[in-house]
Amino acid sequence: MTMWTPDLSERTGPRYLAIADALADDISKGAVTAGTRLPTHRELAYQLGVTVGTVSRAYAAAEQRGLTYGEVGRGTFVRGEAGPDGDGTGFFSSFDVDTNQIDFGPNMSPPGDRRNYLSAALAEISTQPGLDELLAYETAGGHPAHRQAMAEAAAYFGMTTTAERITICTGAQHAVTSALMAVTRPGDTLAVEAVTYPAVKGLAAHLGLKLEPLPIDTDGIMPEAFEKLCQARPPKALYCLPTLHNPTTAIMPFERRRAIAEIARRHGVAILEDDVMGYLLEDLPPPIAMIAPEITYFISGVSKCFAPGLRAGLVIAPEGKSEGVRTAVNLTSWMAPPLMLEVVRLWLGNGTGAELIAWHKREVAGRQQIFRAAFDANMIDSHPGSYHIWLKLPDPWRANEFADQAKREGVTILPAETFATGRGRIPEAVRICLGAPKNRDAVARGAEILAGLLHENERITRPVF
């Protein structure tokens, strides 16, 4: 590894571009030769007195210019004219530059090790009679065996149902879309939590729906606000996330769920209950769909607990109201891929699903413990079994500024504005998703960087006596 340290004394503009420009000049002068391993991000940041994020951006800019290439586990190297593989193009070489980026943005579960499970499932599927049927068009709502499997999956979320009430969708996101299409029409009002799953805002815009935000507290939607809205201008439907609310992680207690259900029942409001993370917790209150099954559309899927690429979602509609959901599925994707559903069916039947969920529960506990150790407890809103955290920022931080600064330091987080649905006051908070980083070490590094930002700001703003 070279001790290359660029001279930035006469360079202006953003520091990361100055570093990339200096590297280009030193390569052209022969001061740094092809194959040279450059300093690590942290080492160069220390030498120059800049942040690690600045060096990460500089190395990324250098790679984009064709000056460097990265080798996973080894570092960043100066590129020769023929590229790292000497073929003149480098097309088949790895450009997976270690940019020190830690992504806490997507609400997802970590990958784990599913290779053996998947290999076994595909091997078994390949020997099944009638294999070609998995490549054919499917019946409305999904194959009966697959709907039965999804009925079993619903039990992970506290739901008891029959296969007849289930419509299979291409993931939970598609399930939300299909349920909204079935229940609403352009111009209708959709009640939502004041901060909610961001995709619903985009779906509402595309479907021509008017969003009506409802204030929430630590227990979720405030019943008196919902009652007031229903008396003044009843919405066509309520979309909500009572279990591990996204983004605040609130869990609506049973009495609150019953109150919301009673208000919706009195005013003829359909409820779309979205629960994709409940599999992580024990002893949860029953879903609203169990309290008011005649008006509630329960939405979930297995992408979070089994695999993100396994697009298998479900809508459990009220008795006799599945037809509208199935029509929406036909219009938007015709059907969920039967081959994926066959993997789900096997995993549910042979115990793989239960093993994966048990692994997730252990993993989320470990990641939560790592992250919480870096922050004051009063800053964190999160259930210990949740893959995401609602981090409340101290003064004078503003959520957007904190997210921007974190991004410059190589950490992606989402500010509260991303989830806001109304014009009311937006909390100064950010969502941290612990499942997206590939391992616990990355979680620890991200927590260290974010905590460092907060402490650095505290030192800057603290008065000196």
Foldseek 3Di string as FASTA:
>chain_A
DDPDAFDQPPPDDQPLCSLLVRLVVCDVVVVADFFDFDDQLVVNCVVVVHFSLSPLSNLVVNVVVVQWAADPPPHITGADCLGPVNPNPCPPPHRPHPSLFFEQADQFAFDPDCVVLVVVLVVVLVPDPPSCVLVDFADQQGDLLLLQLVQLVCVLQQDHDHSVQKRKFQALVRLVLLVCQLQDAAPFEEEEAQFADLVVVVSCVVRNYHYDHAYADLQGGDLVRQLVCLVVPNTQAYEYEQALTPPQGRHHAPVRLLSNLVSCVVSVYAYEYEYAQSSLDPPGHHHSCVVNVQRYWYKYACCRQNNVNLGIIMIRHRPPRCPSSSVSRCVPPNGHRSVSSSSSSVCSPPVVSVVSSVVLNVQLLVLLVLLPVLDDPVQWRHDSRGQKIKGAADPPDAQVVLQVVLVSNNYHWAAQVSRGDDDDDGGRIIMGGNRPGNHSVSSNVSSVSSSVVRVVVCVVPDDDD
